[in-house]
Amino acid sequence: MDKWQSAYVAGIIDGEGSITLTKLHSSTDRELLLYVQTLTGGLITNKKNYSPDRHKNSYTLSIKQKKDVFFTLENITPFLSVQNGY
């Protein structure tokens, strides 16, 4: 992952996502998640849309392989605005 890509992914996480071990967050921007997936690995899943007439479809990117998690964290941590839960 290039330095600018690491900063970009960190900005996405700061702005609209999260890094967590248990709770899942979703996004309606599938193309963005597909791009991030090319950098970090992981799997994109569709979330069930119970009100398609009122809500957009949403998706979750889960990175579960230990090597991919550590690779991603090592690359993006220096660029995160919010660190250590503050």
Protein backbone atom coordinates (compact mmCIF):
# COMPACT_ATOMS: atom_id res chain seq x y z
CA MET A 1 0.00 0.00 0.00
CA ASP A 2 1.45 3.37 -1.02
CA LYS A 3 1.69 6.16 1.56
CA TRP A 4 -1.08 8.19 -0.11
CA GLN A 5 -3.33 5.11 -0.18
CA SER A 6 -2.72 4.53 3.54
CA ALA A 7 -3.66 8.14 4.25
CA TYR A 8 -6.76 7.81 2.07
CA VAL A 9 -7.97 4.68 3.89
CA ALA A 10 -7.28 6.34 7.24
CA GLY A 11 -9.38 9.32 6.12
CA ILE A 12 -12.25 7.03 5.16
CA ILE A 13 -12.13 5.34 8.55
CA ASP A 14 -11.94 8.69 10.36
CA GLY A 15 -14.81 10.10 8.34
CA GLU A 16 -17.33 7.34 8.02
CA GLY A 17 -16.10 4.01 9.31
CA SER A 18 -14.55 2.29 12.24
CA ILE A 19 -12.06 -0.36 13.22
CA THR A 20 -13.53 -2.84 15.63
CA LEU A 21 -13.29 -6.45 16.62
CA THR A 22 -16.98 -7.16 17.06
CA LYS A 23 -19.42 -4.51 15.87
CA LEU A 24 -20.18 -4.10 12.16
CA HIS A 25 -20.81 -0.78 10.44
CA SER A 26 -22.11 -0.42 6.93
CA SER A 27 -21.78 1.91 3.97
CA THR A 28 -24.01 2.61 1.00
CA ASP A 29 -20.96 3.29 -1.22
CA ARG A 30 -20.13 -0.16 -2.61
CA GLU A 31 -17.58 1.21 -5.10
CA LEU A 32 -15.60 2.80 -2.26
CA LEU A 33 -15.59 -0.47 -0.32
CA LEU A 34 -14.46 -2.36 -3.44
CA TYR A 35 -11.50 0.03 -3.79
CA VAL A 36 -10.55 -0.29 -0.12
CA GLN A 37 -10.86 -4.07 -0.44
CA THR A 38 -8.22 -4.05 -3.21
CA LEU A 39 -5.83 -2.40 -0.74
CA THR A 40 -6.68 -4.29 2.44
CA GLY A 41 -8.21 -7.61 1.51
CA GLY A 42 -11.35 -8.75 3.27
CA LEU A 43 -14.86 -9.63 2.21
CA ILE A 44 -17.77 -7.36 1.27
CA THR A 45 -21.22 -8.51 2.35
CA ASN A 46 -24.66 -7.07 1.67
CA LYS A 47 -26.73 -5.96 4.65
CA LYS A 48 -30.43 -6.88 4.66
CA ASN A 49 -32.53 -3.89 3.56
CA TYR A 50 -35.90 -4.15 5.29
CA SER A 51 -37.22 -0.91 3.72
CA PRO A 52 -35.88 -0.64 0.14
CA ASP A 53 -38.43 2.07 -0.65
CA ARG A 54 -36.93 4.29 2.11
CA HIS A 55 -33.29 3.16 2.43
CA LYS A 56 -30.37 2.50 0.12
CA ASN A 57 -28.70 -0.90 0.06
CA SER A 58 -25.72 -1.04 2.42
CA TYR A 59 -22.56 -3.12 2.57
CA THR A 60 -19.90 -4.09 5.10
CA LEU A 61 -16.20 -4.76 4.51
CA SER A 62 -14.85 -7.28 7.01
CA ILE A 63 -11.12 -7.94 7.23
CA LYS A 64 -10.72 -11.14 9.23
CA GLN A 65 -7.39 -12.63 8.22
CA LYS A 66 -4.78 -11.73 10.81
CA LYS A 67 -2.11 -10.85 8.24
CA ASP A 68 -4.51 -8.48 6.42
CA VAL A 69 -5.62 -6.83 9.68
CA PHE A 70 -2.04 -6.18 10.83
CA PHE A 71 -0.95 -5.03 7.36
CA THR A 72 -3.81 -2.52 7.24
CA LEU A 73 -3.29 -1.24 10.79
CA GLU A 74 0.46 -0.84 10.33
CA ASN A 75 -0.10 1.24 7.21
CA ILE A 76 -2.95 3.50 8.30
CA THR A 77 -2.29 4.14 12.02
CA PRO A 78 0.14 7.05 11.45
CA PHE A 79 -2.56 8.85 9.42
CA LEU A 80 -5.57 8.40 11.71
CA SER A 81 -6.84 11.64 13.26
CA VAL A 82 -8.58 9.84 16.09
CA GLN A 83 -6.34 7.35 17.87
CA ASN A 84 -6.54 5.37 21.11
CA GLY A 85 -10.27 5.99 21.57
CA TYR A 86 -9.99 9.75 22.16
